Amino acid sequence: MNVENTSFLEHDKKNIRGFQQMALEFLFNNVNLSKVVFCGGIADYLNLREYYDITINDIDLIFENEMDLQPMMSKLETKRYFSKYYKTKSGEALVHIFRVGETSINIDSFPRDFSNAEHIQSPLLGKMVWHTSFEESKKNHNSEIHLNTSQVKGIDYQWRRLYKHSRKASLYNNITFLEEKNLIHTIKKNIL
């Protein structure tokens, strides 16, 4: 990316909502950032922030060793769930609930083998973090579309999941197309 790290810090402080910033700061202070990889909405934000204003809701990350999450888990309510949407090593996902007054932010953690995906580093709120790459995230969103149609899901169909992946895939695909055609300069920053 051609924008300076300091510009990203200012951009992040302006564009990441306050509670999400607080949850990220908690994470930065309680987890070794070299041991986790951001995925989902955070990765989309990092990969696309130069082109789009994307809202961050919850925080998704992948990890290899649950012990690396223990400093955070000792301070936050953590629940184990069967991961019905994402493939994980154990089939489980951990949901850590970061509370500020009446508001809560979920930090969703998925056990995965890091060698299965491409990860890169980018600054986030002034810290260097690992996250799934542009190509990896684009591939993920594009491959999820056909898996979430009403025909495939039947009674488990959720239009929001299909919409989310379709919308994100279109953003990645649009950037790829514009770069291939040397038209990336024509993109107008959109708020999503």
N, C-alpha and C. Protein backbone atom coordinates (compact mmCIF):
# COMPACT_ATOMS: atom_id res chain seq x y z
N MET A 1 0.84 -1.17 0.00
CA MET A 1 0.00 0.00 0.00
C MET A 1 0.89 1.23 0.00
N ASN A 2 0.41 2.27 -0.59
CA ASN A 2 1.23 3.45 -0.75
C ASN A 2 0.96 4.54 0.28
N VAL A 3 0.21 4.24 1.31
CA VAL A 3 -0.10 5.22 2.34
C VAL A 3 0.82 4.97 3.53
N GLU A 4 1.33 6.04 4.12
CA GLU A 4 2.25 5.92 5.24
C GLU A 4 1.57 5.34 6.47
N ASN A 5 2.35 4.67 7.33
CA ASN A 5 1.84 4.08 8.57
C ASN A 5 1.13 5.11 9.44
N THR A 6 1.67 6.34 9.54
CA THR A 6 1.03 7.36 10.36
C THR A 6 -0.34 7.72 9.82
N SER A 7 -0.50 7.71 8.51
CA SER A 7 -1.80 7.98 7.91
C SER A 7 -2.78 6.87 8.29
N PHE A 8 -2.30 5.64 8.36
CA PHE A 8 -3.16 4.54 8.77
C PHE A 8 -3.60 4.70 10.21
N LEU A 9 -2.71 5.15 11.08
CA LEU A 9 -3.07 5.35 12.48
C LEU A 9 -4.19 6.37 12.59
N GLU A 10 -4.04 7.48 11.90
CA GLU A 10 -5.09 8.51 11.90
C GLU A 10 -6.37 7.96 11.28
N HIS A 11 -6.24 7.23 10.18
CA HIS A 11 -7.39 6.63 9.51
C HIS A 11 -8.10 5.64 10.43
N ASP A 12 -7.33 4.78 11.11
CA ASP A 12 -7.91 3.78 12.01
C ASP A 12 -8.64 4.45 13.16
N LYS A 13 -8.03 5.46 13.77
CA LYS A 13 -8.67 6.13 14.90
C LYS A 13 -9.97 6.81 14.48
N LYS A 14 -10.00 7.28 13.26
CA LYS A 14 -11.20 7.96 12.75
C LYS A 14 -12.28 6.97 12.32
N ASN A 15 -11.89 5.82 11.78
CA ASN A 15 -12.84 4.93 11.13
C ASN A 15 -13.22 3.67 11.90
N ILE A 16 -12.50 3.36 12.97
CA ILE A 16 -12.87 2.21 13.81
C ILE A 16 -13.63 2.77 15.00
N ARG A 17 -14.83 2.27 15.22
CA ARG A 17 -15.66 2.78 16.31
C ARG A 17 -14.98 2.57 17.66
N GLY A 18 -15.36 3.42 18.62
CA GLY A 18 -14.71 3.47 19.93
C GLY A 18 -14.67 2.15 20.68
N PHE A 19 -15.81 1.43 20.75
CA PHE A 19 -15.82 0.17 21.48
C PHE A 19 -14.93 -0.87 20.82
N GLN A 20 -14.90 -0.89 19.48
CA GLN A 20 -14.03 -1.82 18.77
C GLN A 20 -12.57 -1.46 19.01
N GLN A 21 -12.26 -0.16 19.06
CA GLN A 21 -10.89 0.25 19.39
C GLN A 21 -10.50 -0.22 20.78
N MET A 22 -11.42 -0.11 21.72
CA MET A 22 -11.14 -0.55 23.09
C MET A 22 -10.91 -2.06 23.13
N ALA A 23 -11.71 -2.82 22.40
CA ALA A 23 -11.54 -4.27 22.36
C ALA A 23 -10.20 -4.64 21.72
N LEU A 24 -9.84 -3.93 20.65
CA LEU A 24 -8.55 -4.20 20.00
C LEU A 24 -7.40 -3.85 20.94
N GLU A 25 -7.47 -2.73 21.64
CA GLU A 25 -6.41 -2.36 22.59
C GLU A 25 -6.29 -3.42 23.68
N PHE A 26 -7.42 -3.93 24.18
CA PHE A 26 -7.39 -5.00 25.17
C PHE A 26 -6.66 -6.22 24.60
N LEU A 27 -7.00 -6.58 23.37
CA LEU A 27 -6.37 -7.72 22.70
C LEU A 27 -4.87 -7.48 22.55
N PHE A 28 -4.49 -6.28 22.10
CA PHE A 28 -3.08 -5.96 21.92
C PHE A 28 -2.30 -6.11 23.23
N ASN A 29 -2.94 -5.75 24.33
CA ASN A 29 -2.28 -5.76 25.64
C ASN A 29 -2.29 -7.14 26.32
N ASN A 30 -3.08 -8.08 25.79
CA ASN A 30 -3.24 -9.36 26.47
C ASN A 30 -2.91 -10.58 25.62
N VAL A 31 -2.56 -10.38 24.37
CA VAL A 31 -2.22 -11.50 23.49
C VAL A 31 -0.96 -11.14 22.72
N ASN A 32 -0.05 -12.08 22.60
CA ASN A 32 1.15 -11.89 21.79
C ASN A 32 0.72 -11.83 20.32
N LEU A 33 0.86 -10.67 19.70
CA LEU A 33 0.36 -10.46 18.34
C LEU A 33 1.07 -11.32 17.30
N SER A 34 2.24 -11.85 17.64
CA SER A 34 2.94 -12.72 16.70
C SER A 34 2.34 -14.13 16.69
N LYS A 35 1.40 -14.42 17.62
CA LYS A 35 0.82 -15.76 17.76
C LYS A 35 -0.60 -15.87 17.22
N VAL A 36 -1.17 -14.76 16.73
CA VAL A 36 -2.53 -14.79 16.19
C VAL A 36 -2.56 -14.10 14.83
N VAL A 37 -3.56 -14.46 14.04
CA VAL A 37 -3.75 -13.87 12.72
C VAL A 37 -5.19 -13.38 12.64
N PHE A 38 -5.37 -12.11 12.32
CA PHE A 38 -6.72 -11.57 12.17
C PHE A 38 -7.32 -12.07 10.86
N CYS A 39 -8.59 -12.38 10.91
CA CYS A 39 -9.31 -12.83 9.71
C CYS A 39 -10.67 -12.12 9.72
N GLY A 40 -11.57 -12.52 8.84
CA GLY A 40 -12.91 -11.95 8.83
C GLY A 40 -12.90 -10.45 8.59
N GLY A 41 -13.76 -9.75 9.35
CA GLY A 41 -13.95 -8.31 9.15
C GLY A 41 -12.72 -7.47 9.36
N ILE A 42 -11.86 -7.85 10.31
CA ILE A 42 -10.61 -7.09 10.52
C ILE A 42 -9.71 -7.22 9.31
N ALA A 43 -9.57 -8.44 8.79
CA ALA A 43 -8.74 -8.64 7.58
C ALA A 43 -9.33 -7.87 6.40
N ASP A 44 -10.66 -7.91 6.26
CA ASP A 44 -11.30 -7.15 5.18
C ASP A 44 -11.02 -5.66 5.34
N TYR A 45 -11.14 -5.16 6.56
CA TYR A 45 -10.84 -3.75 6.82
C TYR A 45 -9.41 -3.42 6.41
N LEU A 46 -8.45 -4.24 6.85
CA LEU A 46 -7.04 -3.98 6.54
C LEU A 46 -6.75 -4.08 5.05
N ASN A 47 -7.34 -5.09 4.40
CA ASN A 47 -7.09 -5.28 2.97
C ASN A 47 -7.75 -4.22 2.10
N LEU A 48 -8.85 -3.67 2.56
CA LEU A 48 -9.66 -2.79 1.71
C LEU A 48 -9.70 -1.33 2.16
N ARG A 49 -9.07 -0.99 3.29
CA ARG A 49 -9.23 0.36 3.85
C ARG A 49 -8.71 1.45 2.93
N GLU A 50 -7.80 1.12 2.05
CA GLU A 50 -7.29 2.12 1.11
C GLU A 50 -8.36 2.50 0.08
N TYR A 51 -9.36 1.63 -0.09
CA TYR A 51 -10.37 1.84 -1.13
C TYR A 51 -11.78 2.05 -0.60
N TYR A 52 -12.09 1.46 0.55
CA TYR A 52 -13.45 1.51 1.09
C TYR A 52 -13.41 1.78 2.59
N ASP A 53 -14.45 2.42 3.10
CA ASP A 53 -14.62 2.57 4.54
C ASP A 53 -15.51 1.42 4.99
N ILE A 54 -14.92 0.47 5.70
CA ILE A 54 -15.63 -0.73 6.13
C ILE A 54 -15.82 -0.68 7.64
N THR A 55 -17.02 -0.99 8.08
CA THR A 55 -17.33 -1.02 9.50
C THR A 55 -16.86 -2.34 10.10
N ILE A 56 -16.22 -2.25 11.25
CA ILE A 56 -15.80 -3.44 12.00
C ILE A 56 -16.84 -3.66 13.09
N ASN A 57 -17.37 -4.86 13.15
CA ASN A 57 -18.33 -5.19 14.21
C ASN A 57 -17.65 -6.02 15.28
N ASP A 58 -17.48 -7.32 15.02
CA ASP A 58 -16.76 -8.15 15.98
C ASP A 58 -15.33 -8.34 15.50
N ILE A 59 -14.55 -9.07 16.28
CA ILE A 59 -13.15 -9.28 15.96
C ILE A 59 -12.94 -10.77 15.78
N ASP A 60 -12.41 -11.16 14.63
CA ASP A 60 -12.15 -12.57 14.33
C ASP A 60 -10.65 -12.80 14.22
N LEU A 61 -10.20 -13.90 14.82
CA LEU A 61 -8.79 -14.24 14.69
C LEU A 61 -8.62 -15.75 14.68
N ILE A 62 -7.50 -16.17 14.14
CA ILE A 62 -7.16 -17.58 14.16
C ILE A 62 -5.90 -17.76 14.99
N PHE A 63 -5.79 -18.94 15.58
CA PHE A 63 -4.64 -19.24 16.44
C PHE A 63 -4.28 -20.70 16.25
N GLU A 64 -3.05 -21.04 16.60
CA GLU A 64 -2.61 -22.43 16.53
C GLU A 64 -2.61 -23.10 17.90
N ASN A 65 -2.28 -22.36 18.94
CA ASN A 65 -2.14 -22.93 20.27
C ASN A 65 -3.02 -22.14 21.25
N GLU A 66 -3.99 -22.81 21.85
CA GLU A 66 -4.92 -22.14 22.76
C GLU A 66 -4.20 -21.50 23.95
N MET A 67 -3.06 -22.04 24.33
CA MET A 67 -2.30 -21.45 25.45
C MET A 67 -1.91 -20.00 25.15
N ASP A 68 -1.75 -19.65 23.89
CA ASP A 68 -1.41 -18.28 23.53
C ASP A 68 -2.53 -17.30 23.85
N LEU A 69 -3.76 -17.81 24.02
CA LEU A 69 -4.91 -16.96 24.33
C LEU A 69 -5.20 -16.87 25.82
N GLN A 70 -4.48 -17.64 26.63
CA GLN A 70 -4.77 -17.71 28.06
C GLN A 70 -4.76 -16.36 28.79
N PRO A 71 -3.83 -15.45 28.50
CA PRO A 71 -3.89 -14.15 29.19
C PRO A 71 -5.21 -13.42 28.94
N MET A 72 -5.75 -13.53 27.74
CA MET A 72 -7.04 -12.91 27.42
C MET A 72 -8.18 -13.71 28.05
N MET A 73 -8.10 -15.04 27.95
CA MET A 73 -9.16 -15.90 28.47
C MET A 73 -9.30 -15.79 29.98
N SER A 74 -8.21 -15.48 30.68
CA SER A 74 -8.29 -15.35 32.14
C SER A 74 -9.03 -14.08 32.55
N LYS A 75 -9.20 -13.14 31.61
CA LYS A 75 -9.84 -11.86 31.94
C LYS A 75 -11.23 -11.69 31.30
N LEU A 76 -11.55 -12.51 30.31
CA LEU A 76 -12.83 -12.38 29.61
C LEU A 76 -13.65 -13.65 29.73
N GLU A 77 -14.96 -13.48 29.80
CA GLU A 77 -15.85 -14.63 29.71
C GLU A 77 -15.62 -15.28 28.34
N THR A 78 -15.39 -16.59 28.34
CA THR A 78 -15.11 -17.30 27.10
C THR A 78 -16.04 -18.50 27.00
N LYS A 79 -16.66 -18.65 25.83
CA LYS A 79 -17.56 -19.78 25.59
C LYS A 79 -17.04 -20.58 24.40
N ARG A 80 -17.24 -21.88 24.46
CA ARG A 80 -16.87 -22.77 23.35
C ARG A 80 -18.13 -23.12 22.57
N TYR A 81 -18.00 -23.05 21.26
CA TYR A 81 -19.11 -23.38 20.39
C TYR A 81 -18.63 -24.32 19.30
N PHE A 82 -19.53 -25.12 18.78
CA PHE A 82 -19.25 -25.85 17.56
C PHE A 82 -19.29 -24.83 16.43
N SER A 83 -18.28 -24.79 15.61
CA SER A 83 -18.21 -23.82 14.52
C SER A 83 -18.96 -24.35 13.30
N LYS A 84 -20.19 -23.87 13.12
CA LYS A 84 -20.99 -24.39 12.00
C LYS A 84 -20.70 -23.68 10.69
N TYR A 85 -19.97 -22.57 10.73
CA TYR A 85 -19.70 -21.84 9.49
C TYR A 85 -18.27 -22.03 8.98
N TYR A 86 -17.32 -22.20 9.88
CA TYR A 86 -15.92 -22.23 9.47
C TYR A 86 -15.25 -23.53 9.90
N LYS A 87 -14.38 -24.03 9.06
CA LYS A 87 -13.62 -25.24 9.37
C LYS A 87 -12.49 -24.87 10.33
N THR A 88 -12.42 -25.62 11.42
CA THR A 88 -11.35 -25.40 12.38
C THR A 88 -10.69 -26.75 12.67
N LYS A 89 -9.54 -26.71 13.33
CA LYS A 89 -8.83 -27.96 13.66
C LYS A 89 -9.68 -28.87 14.54
N SER A 90 -10.36 -28.31 15.51
CA SER A 90 -11.11 -29.13 16.47
C SER A 90 -12.62 -29.11 16.21
N GLY A 91 -13.06 -28.31 15.25
CA GLY A 91 -14.49 -28.14 15.02
C GLY A 91 -15.10 -27.10 15.94
N GLU A 92 -14.30 -26.58 16.87
CA GLU A 92 -14.78 -25.59 17.84
C GLU A 92 -14.33 -24.18 17.47
N ALA A 93 -15.06 -23.23 18.05
CA ALA A 93 -14.66 -21.83 18.02
C ALA A 93 -14.79 -21.31 19.44
N LEU A 94 -13.94 -20.38 19.80
CA LEU A 94 -14.01 -19.75 21.11
C LEU A 94 -14.55 -18.34 20.93
N VAL A 95 -15.50 -17.97 21.77
CA VAL A 95 -16.03 -16.61 21.74
C VAL A 95 -15.71 -15.96 23.08
N HIS A 96 -14.90 -14.91 23.01
CA HIS A 96 -14.50 -14.15 24.19
C HIS A 96 -15.37 -12.89 24.20
N ILE A 97 -15.97 -12.59 25.30
CA ILE A 97 -16.90 -11.46 25.37
C ILE A 97 -16.24 -10.31 26.10
N PHE A 98 -15.94 -9.25 25.34
CA PHE A 98 -15.34 -8.04 25.88
C PHE A 98 -16.47 -7.08 26.20
N ARG A 99 -16.63 -6.74 27.47
CA ARG A 99 -17.74 -5.88 27.90
C ARG A 99 -17.24 -4.51 28.33
N VAL A 100 -18.00 -3.49 27.91
CA VAL A 100 -17.80 -2.12 28.38
C VAL A 100 -19.19 -1.63 28.74
N GLY A 101 -19.49 -1.60 30.03
CA GLY A 101 -20.83 -1.22 30.48
C GLY A 101 -21.85 -2.19 29.92
N GLU A 102 -22.84 -1.67 29.25
CA GLU A 102 -23.92 -2.48 28.67
C GLU A 102 -23.54 -3.03 27.29
N THR A 103 -22.45 -2.57 26.74
CA THR A 103 -22.04 -2.97 25.39
C THR A 103 -21.06 -4.13 25.46
N SER A 104 -21.19 -5.05 24.51
CA SER A 104 -20.21 -6.14 24.44
C SER A 104 -19.78 -6.34 22.99
N ILE A 105 -18.53 -6.71 22.85
CA ILE A 105 -17.93 -7.01 21.55
C ILE A 105 -17.43 -8.45 21.62
N ASN A 106 -17.78 -9.24 20.62
CA ASN A 106 -17.27 -10.62 20.57
C ASN A 106 -15.91 -10.65 19.90
N ILE A 107 -15.00 -11.38 20.52
CA ILE A 107 -13.72 -11.70 19.90
C ILE A 107 -13.80 -13.20 19.62
N ASP A 108 -13.98 -13.54 18.36
CA ASP A 108 -14.15 -14.94 17.95
C ASP A 108 -12.79 -15.50 17.55
N SER A 109 -12.42 -16.63 18.14
CA SER A 109 -11.11 -17.25 17.88
C SER A 109 -11.32 -18.65 17.31
N PHE A 110 -10.59 -18.93 16.24
CA PHE A 110 -10.74 -20.20 15.53
C PHE A 110 -9.39 -20.92 15.48
N PRO A 111 -9.32 -22.15 16.01
CA PRO A 111 -8.06 -22.90 15.93
C PRO A 111 -7.82 -23.38 14.50
N ARG A 112 -6.68 -23.00 13.93
CA ARG A 112 -6.35 -23.40 12.57
C ARG A 112 -4.85 -23.59 12.44
N ASP A 113 -4.48 -24.30 11.43
CA ASP A 113 -3.08 -24.48 11.08
C ASP A 113 -2.69 -23.31 10.19
N PHE A 114 -1.71 -22.51 10.61
CA PHE A 114 -1.33 -21.31 9.87
C PHE A 114 -0.76 -21.61 8.49
N SER A 115 -0.28 -22.82 8.26
CA SER A 115 0.34 -23.12 6.97
C SER A 115 -0.69 -23.26 5.85
N ASN A 116 -1.99 -23.28 6.18
CA ASN A 116 -3.03 -23.46 5.16
C ASN A 116 -3.45 -22.18 4.48
N ALA A 117 -2.97 -21.02 4.92
CA ALA A 117 -3.43 -19.76 4.35
C ALA A 117 -2.27 -18.77 4.27
N GLU A 118 -2.44 -17.78 3.42
CA GLU A 118 -1.42 -16.75 3.23
C GLU A 118 -1.70 -15.59 4.19
N HIS A 119 -0.69 -15.23 5.00
CA HIS A 119 -0.82 -14.15 5.97
C HIS A 119 0.20 -13.07 5.68
N ILE A 120 -0.19 -11.84 5.94
CA ILE A 120 0.72 -10.70 5.76
C ILE A 120 0.61 -9.81 6.99
N GLN A 121 1.50 -8.83 7.10
CA GLN A 121 1.47 -7.89 8.21
C GLN A 121 1.07 -6.51 7.73
N SER A 122 0.30 -5.82 8.55
CA SER A 122 -0.11 -4.44 8.29
C SER A 122 -0.26 -3.73 9.63
N PRO A 123 -0.15 -2.39 9.62
CA PRO A 123 -0.39 -1.65 10.86
C PRO A 123 -1.90 -1.55 11.14
N LEU A 124 -2.25 -1.70 12.41
CA LEU A 124 -3.63 -1.54 12.87
C LEU A 124 -3.57 -0.77 14.18
N LEU A 125 -4.12 0.42 14.20
CA LEU A 125 -4.08 1.29 15.39
C LEU A 125 -2.66 1.42 15.94
N GLY A 126 -1.69 1.51 15.03
CA GLY A 126 -0.30 1.72 15.42
C GLY A 126 0.49 0.48 15.77
N LYS A 127 -0.14 -0.70 15.71
CA LYS A 127 0.55 -1.97 15.99
C LYS A 127 0.64 -2.78 14.71
N MET A 128 1.75 -3.48 14.54
CA MET A 128 1.86 -4.38 13.39
C MET A 128 1.16 -5.69 13.75
N VAL A 129 0.23 -6.11 12.90
CA VAL A 129 -0.53 -7.33 13.14
C VAL A 129 -0.48 -8.22 11.90
N TRP A 130 -0.66 -9.51 12.13
CA TRP A 130 -0.78 -10.47 11.04
C TRP A 130 -2.26 -10.59 10.66
N HIS A 131 -2.53 -10.75 9.38
CA HIS A 131 -3.91 -10.95 8.93
C HIS A 131 -3.91 -11.72 7.61
N THR A 132 -5.06 -12.29 7.29
CA THR A 132 -5.17 -13.00 6.01
C THR A 132 -5.00 -11.99 4.88
N SER A 133 -4.32 -12.41 3.84
CA SER A 133 -3.97 -11.52 2.74
C SER A 133 -5.17 -11.15 1.88
N PHE A 134 -4.98 -10.18 1.02
CA PHE A 134 -6.00 -9.76 0.07
C PHE A 134 -6.49 -10.96 -0.74
N GLU A 135 -5.56 -11.71 -1.33
CA GLU A 135 -5.93 -12.84 -2.18
C GLU A 135 -6.64 -13.94 -1.39
N GLU A 136 -6.15 -14.21 -0.18
CA GLU A 136 -6.76 -15.24 0.66
C GLU A 136 -8.19 -14.85 1.05
N SER A 137 -8.37 -13.59 1.44
CA SER A 137 -9.70 -13.11 1.82
C SER A 137 -10.64 -13.10 0.61
N LYS A 138 -10.13 -12.67 -0.52
CA LYS A 138 -10.96 -12.67 -1.74
C LYS A 138 -11.40 -14.08 -2.08
N LYS A 139 -10.47 -15.02 -2.02
CA LYS A 139 -10.78 -16.42 -2.32
C LYS A 139 -11.84 -16.95 -1.34
N ASN A 140 -11.69 -16.63 -0.07
CA ASN A 140 -12.63 -17.09 0.95
C ASN A 140 -14.05 -16.57 0.65
N HIS A 141 -14.19 -15.27 0.42
CA HIS A 141 -15.53 -14.72 0.17
C HIS A 141 -16.14 -15.29 -1.10
N ASN A 142 -15.34 -15.40 -2.15
CA ASN A 142 -15.87 -15.95 -3.41
C ASN A 142 -16.28 -17.42 -3.26
N SER A 143 -15.53 -18.19 -2.48
CA SER A 143 -15.86 -19.61 -2.33
C SER A 143 -17.04 -19.84 -1.40
N GLU A 144 -17.37 -18.87 -0.56
CA GLU A 144 -18.49 -19.02 0.38
C GLU A 144 -19.85 -18.74 -0.28
N ILE A 145 -19.87 -18.00 -1.37
CA ILE A 145 -21.15 -17.60 -1.97
C ILE A 145 -21.99 -18.81 -2.33
N HIS A 146 -21.45 -19.73 -3.11
CA HIS A 146 -22.26 -20.87 -3.56
C HIS A 146 -22.64 -21.80 -2.40
N LEU A 147 -21.90 -21.75 -1.29
CA LEU A 147 -22.21 -22.61 -0.14
C LEU A 147 -23.35 -22.06 0.71
N ASN A 148 -23.70 -20.80 0.51
CA ASN A 148 -24.71 -20.15 1.35
C ASN A 148 -26.00 -19.81 0.62
N THR A 149 -26.22 -20.36 -0.55
CA THR A 149 -27.47 -20.10 -1.27
C THR A 149 -28.63 -20.85 -0.59
N SER A 150 -29.83 -20.41 -0.86
CA SER A 150 -31.00 -21.07 -0.27
C SER A 150 -31.13 -22.50 -0.77
N GLN A 151 -30.72 -22.75 -2.01
CA GLN A 151 -30.80 -24.10 -2.56
C GLN A 151 -29.88 -25.06 -1.81
N VAL A 152 -28.68 -24.61 -1.47
CA VAL A 152 -27.73 -25.45 -0.76
C VAL A 152 -28.09 -25.55 0.72
N LYS A 153 -28.44 -24.44 1.35
CA LYS A 153 -28.69 -24.41 2.80
C LYS A 153 -30.07 -24.92 3.20
N GLY A 154 -31.03 -24.83 2.31
CA GLY A 154 -32.38 -25.28 2.65
C GLY A 154 -32.94 -24.53 3.84
N ILE A 155 -33.40 -25.26 4.88
CA ILE A 155 -34.02 -24.59 6.03
C ILE A 155 -33.01 -23.80 6.88
N ASP A 156 -31.72 -24.05 6.68
CA ASP A 156 -30.68 -23.31 7.42
C ASP A 156 -30.23 -22.05 6.69
N TYR A 157 -30.90 -21.70 5.59
CA TYR A 157 -30.54 -20.53 4.79
C TYR A 157 -30.67 -19.24 5.61
N GLN A 158 -29.63 -18.40 5.52
CA GLN A 158 -29.66 -17.08 6.15
C GLN A 158 -29.21 -16.07 5.10
N TRP A 159 -30.14 -15.25 4.65
CA TRP A 159 -29.82 -14.32 3.56
C TRP A 159 -28.68 -13.38 3.96
N ARG A 160 -28.52 -13.06 5.24
CA ARG A 160 -27.45 -12.14 5.66
C ARG A 160 -26.06 -12.72 5.40
N ARG A 161 -25.91 -14.03 5.59
CA ARG A 161 -24.60 -14.65 5.34
C ARG A 161 -24.27 -14.61 3.84
N LEU A 162 -25.26 -14.93 3.02
CA LEU A 162 -25.05 -14.87 1.57
C LEU A 162 -24.75 -13.44 1.13
N TYR A 163 -25.50 -12.49 1.65
CA TYR A 163 -25.30 -11.08 1.30
C TYR A 163 -23.91 -10.61 1.72
N LYS A 164 -23.49 -10.97 2.95
CA LYS A 164 -22.18 -10.54 3.46
C LYS A 164 -21.06 -11.02 2.54
N HIS A 165 -21.07 -12.31 2.21
CA HIS A 165 -19.99 -12.84 1.37
C HIS A 165 -20.08 -12.30 -0.06
N SER A 166 -21.28 -12.14 -0.58
CA SER A 166 -21.44 -11.60 -1.94
C SER A 166 -20.92 -10.18 -2.01
N ARG A 167 -21.28 -9.37 -1.03
CA ARG A 167 -20.85 -7.97 -1.01
C ARG A 167 -19.34 -7.86 -0.88
N LYS A 168 -18.75 -8.62 0.05
CA LYS A 168 -17.30 -8.55 0.24
C LYS A 168 -16.57 -9.08 -0.99
N ALA A 169 -17.06 -10.17 -1.58
CA ALA A 169 -16.44 -10.70 -2.80
C ALA A 169 -16.45 -9.65 -3.90
N SER A 170 -17.56 -8.93 -4.03
CA SER A 170 -17.65 -7.91 -5.08
C SER A 170 -16.65 -6.79 -4.87
N LEU A 171 -16.37 -6.44 -3.62
CA LEU A 171 -15.37 -5.39 -3.35
C LEU A 171 -13.98 -5.84 -3.77
N TYR A 172 -13.61 -7.05 -3.36
CA TYR A 172 -12.30 -7.60 -3.75
C TYR A 172 -12.21 -7.76 -5.26
N ASN A 173 -13.26 -8.28 -5.87
CA ASN A 173 -13.25 -8.51 -7.32
C ASN A 173 -13.19 -7.19 -8.09
N ASN A 174 -13.85 -6.15 -7.58
CA ASN A 174 -13.82 -4.85 -8.23
C ASN A 174 -12.41 -4.27 -8.21
N ILE A 175 -11.74 -4.35 -7.08
CA ILE A 175 -10.36 -3.84 -6.99
C ILE A 175 -9.45 -4.62 -7.93
N THR A 176 -9.59 -5.94 -7.94
CA THR A 176 -8.77 -6.77 -8.83
C THR A 176 -9.00 -6.38 -10.28
N PHE A 177 -10.26 -6.22 -10.67
CA PHE A 177 -10.59 -5.84 -12.05
C PHE A 177 -9.99 -4.48 -12.40
N LEU A 178 -10.18 -3.50 -11.52
CA LEU A 178 -9.68 -2.15 -11.80
C LEU A 178 -8.15 -2.14 -11.88
N GLU A 179 -7.48 -2.92 -11.04
CA GLU A 179 -6.03 -2.99 -11.12
C GLU A 179 -5.58 -3.64 -12.42
N GLU A 180 -6.26 -4.72 -12.84
CA GLU A 180 -5.91 -5.39 -14.09
C GLU A 180 -6.08 -4.47 -15.29
N LYS A 181 -7.06 -3.59 -15.24
CA LYS A 181 -7.34 -2.67 -16.35
C LYS A 181 -6.63 -1.33 -16.20
N ASN A 182 -5.75 -1.22 -15.18
CA ASN A 182 -5.06 0.04 -14.87
C ASN A 182 -6.03 1.19 -14.66
N LEU A 183 -7.14 0.89 -14.00
CA LEU A 183 -8.17 1.89 -13.72
C LEU A 183 -8.40 2.09 -12.22
N ILE A 184 -7.50 1.59 -11.39
CA ILE A 184 -7.71 1.68 -9.95
C ILE A 184 -7.82 3.12 -9.50
N HIS A 185 -7.22 4.04 -10.22
CA HIS A 185 -7.30 5.46 -9.86
C HIS A 185 -8.73 6.00 -9.99
N THR A 186 -9.61 5.29 -10.68
CA THR A 186 -10.98 5.77 -10.89
C THR A 186 -11.91 5.38 -9.73
N ILE A 187 -11.43 4.57 -8.81
CA ILE A 187 -12.29 4.13 -7.71
C ILE A 187 -12.61 5.30 -6.80
N LYS A 188 -13.86 5.35 -6.37
CA LYS A 188 -14.28 6.37 -5.42
C LYS A 188 -14.48 5.69 -4.09
N LYS A 189 -13.94 6.29 -3.03
CA LYS A 189 -14.05 5.68 -1.71
C LYS A 189 -15.51 5.61 -1.31
N ASN A 190 -15.95 4.41 -0.97
CA ASN A 190 -17.34 4.18 -0.58
C ASN A 190 -17.41 3.82 0.88
N ILE A 191 -18.50 4.20 1.50
CA ILE A 191 -18.73 3.85 2.90
C ILE A 191 -19.67 2.66 2.93
N LEU A 192 -19.24 1.59 3.61
CA LEU A 192 -20.04 0.36 3.68
C LEU A 192 -20.46 0.07 5.10
